[in-house]
Amino acid sequence: MKLVFAVVQQEDAAQTVQALSSNGISVTRFNSSGGFLQQGNATLLIGVDEEKVEQVVSLIRENCRERNRYLTPMPPMVEPGEFFMPYPVEVQVGGATVFVVNVESFEKL
C-alpha cells in the first residue's frame, strides 16, 4: 500500500480529482497555500495499492500544467532617501509536486 501526496495548483485541482475519481481512485482534497508565492494550492491524499501508483502519477501529470505568471516582488527594507521601483517578474508556476510514501498499516472503518 502507498500513500500519494500531490500538491497541485487550485486551477488544476477539480479536473485532477475528477480524473482520479473517474478511474475508480479515491482521493481526499484539502486547500493549502504555497510558501514562496503564497498561491492557492490543493493537496490531494490518495491511498492506493503499489501497482496503481504509476496510473495515479500519470493522471496527475495529464491534468496539472505549468503556467507563466507575472508577480511583483515584495520590496526590501528601504532606507530613508532610497527609492525602490517594483517591476513585475515572470515566474513559472503550476504542475504538481508528488510524494509517494509507504503505508505500514491501513484500516477502513
Protein backbone atom coordinates (compact mmCIF):
# COMPACT_ATOMS: atom_id res chain seq x y z
CA MET A 1 0.00 0.00 0.00
CA LYS A 2 1.23 3.50 -0.88
CA LEU A 3 0.10 6.98 0.07
CA VAL A 4 0.46 9.61 -2.65
CA PHE A 5 0.59 13.26 -1.59
CA ALA A 6 0.12 15.61 -4.55
CA VAL A 7 0.32 19.39 -4.21
CA VAL A 8 -1.39 20.92 -7.25
CA GLN A 9 -2.46 24.40 -8.26
CA GLN A 10 -6.00 25.37 -7.30
CA GLU A 11 -6.89 25.78 -11.01
CA ASP A 12 -5.98 22.13 -11.71
CA ALA A 13 -7.43 20.54 -8.58
CA ALA A 14 -11.04 19.95 -9.68
CA GLN A 15 -10.18 18.32 -13.00
CA THR A 16 -7.47 16.20 -11.36
CA VAL A 17 -9.87 14.94 -8.66
CA GLN A 18 -12.47 14.22 -11.37
CA ALA A 19 -9.95 12.27 -13.47
CA LEU A 20 -8.84 10.20 -10.46
CA SER A 21 -12.44 9.53 -9.36
CA SER A 22 -13.48 8.56 -12.90
CA ASN A 23 -10.77 5.90 -12.82
CA GLY A 24 -12.01 4.45 -9.54
CA ILE A 25 -9.32 6.06 -7.39
CA SER A 26 -10.47 7.59 -4.12
CA VAL A 27 -8.96 10.94 -3.26
CA THR A 28 -9.18 13.41 -0.38
CA ARG A 29 -8.63 17.07 -1.20
CA PHE A 30 -7.87 19.96 1.12
CA ASN A 31 -6.87 23.54 0.39
CA SER A 32 -3.33 24.68 1.10
CA SER A 33 -1.05 27.55 0.12
CA GLY A 34 2.49 27.65 -1.20
CA GLY A 35 5.36 29.07 0.79
CA PHE A 36 7.27 31.04 -1.87
CA LEU A 37 4.46 32.61 -3.91
CA GLN A 38 1.64 32.26 -1.37
CA GLN A 39 -0.57 30.99 -4.18
CA GLY A 40 -3.63 28.84 -3.61
CA ASN A 41 -2.99 25.11 -3.89
CA ALA A 42 -4.80 21.91 -3.18
CA THR A 43 -3.18 18.93 -1.50
CA LEU A 44 -4.51 15.56 -2.61
CA LEU A 45 -4.18 12.44 -0.47
CA ILE A 46 -4.50 9.19 -2.40
CA GLY A 47 -4.15 5.73 -0.88
CA VAL A 48 -3.56 3.02 -3.50
CA ASP A 49 -2.02 -0.40 -3.99
CA GLU A 50 1.55 -0.26 -5.24
CA GLU A 51 0.62 -1.39 -8.76
CA LYS A 52 -1.66 1.68 -9.21
CA VAL A 53 0.95 4.31 -8.30
CA GLU A 54 2.06 4.79 -11.92
CA GLN A 55 -1.55 5.27 -13.04
CA VAL A 56 -2.13 7.86 -10.31
CA VAL A 57 1.04 9.79 -11.18
CA SER A 58 0.15 9.63 -14.88
CA LEU A 59 -3.34 11.06 -14.25
CA ILE A 60 -1.88 13.86 -12.14
CA ARG A 61 0.69 14.63 -14.86
CA GLU A 62 -2.05 14.77 -17.53
CA ASN A 63 -4.22 17.19 -15.55
CA CYS A 64 -1.73 19.57 -13.97
CA ARG A 65 0.03 22.02 -16.23
CA GLU A 66 2.63 24.72 -15.78
CA ARG A 67 1.79 28.38 -16.45
CA ASN A 68 3.62 31.66 -16.53
CA ARG A 69 2.55 34.41 -14.15
CA TYR A 70 3.73 37.95 -13.61
CA LEU A 71 4.28 38.82 -9.97
CA THR A 72 5.53 41.99 -8.35
CA PRO A 73 8.29 41.17 -5.87
CA MET A 74 8.00 42.36 -2.29
CA PRO A 75 10.15 45.45 -1.71
CA PRO A 76 13.19 45.07 0.50
CA MET A 77 13.59 47.23 3.56
CA VAL A 78 14.11 50.67 2.07
CA GLU A 79 16.22 53.17 3.96
CA PRO A 80 15.18 56.84 4.05
CA GLY A 81 16.20 58.53 0.82
CA GLU A 82 16.29 55.27 -1.17
CA PHE A 83 13.86 54.52 -3.96
CA PHE A 84 12.51 51.08 -4.86
CA MET A 85 10.76 50.59 -8.20
CA PRO A 86 8.98 47.23 -8.31
CA TYR A 87 8.78 45.62 -11.74
CA PRO A 88 6.69 42.53 -12.44
CA VAL A 89 8.75 39.38 -12.79
CA GLU A 90 7.68 36.42 -14.90
CA VAL A 91 7.73 33.13 -12.97
CA GLN A 92 6.70 29.63 -13.88
CA VAL A 93 4.05 28.11 -11.61
CA GLY A 94 1.94 25.02 -11.70
CA GLY A 95 2.50 21.41 -12.43
CA ALA A 96 2.42 19.21 -9.36
CA THR A 97 4.70 18.11 -6.57
CA VAL A 98 4.13 14.45 -5.81
CA PHE A 99 5.36 12.39 -2.85
CA VAL A 100 4.86 8.63 -2.65
CA VAL A 101 5.35 7.02 0.77
CA ASN A 102 4.98 3.50 2.12
CA VAL A 103 1.96 2.77 4.30
CA GLU A 104 2.70 0.43 7.16
CA SER A 105 -0.92 -0.04 8.19
CA PHE A 106 -4.27 0.72 6.55
CA GLU A 107 -7.76 0.29 8.01
CA LYS A 108 -11.05 1.39 6.52
CA LEU A 109 -13.54 1.92 9.33
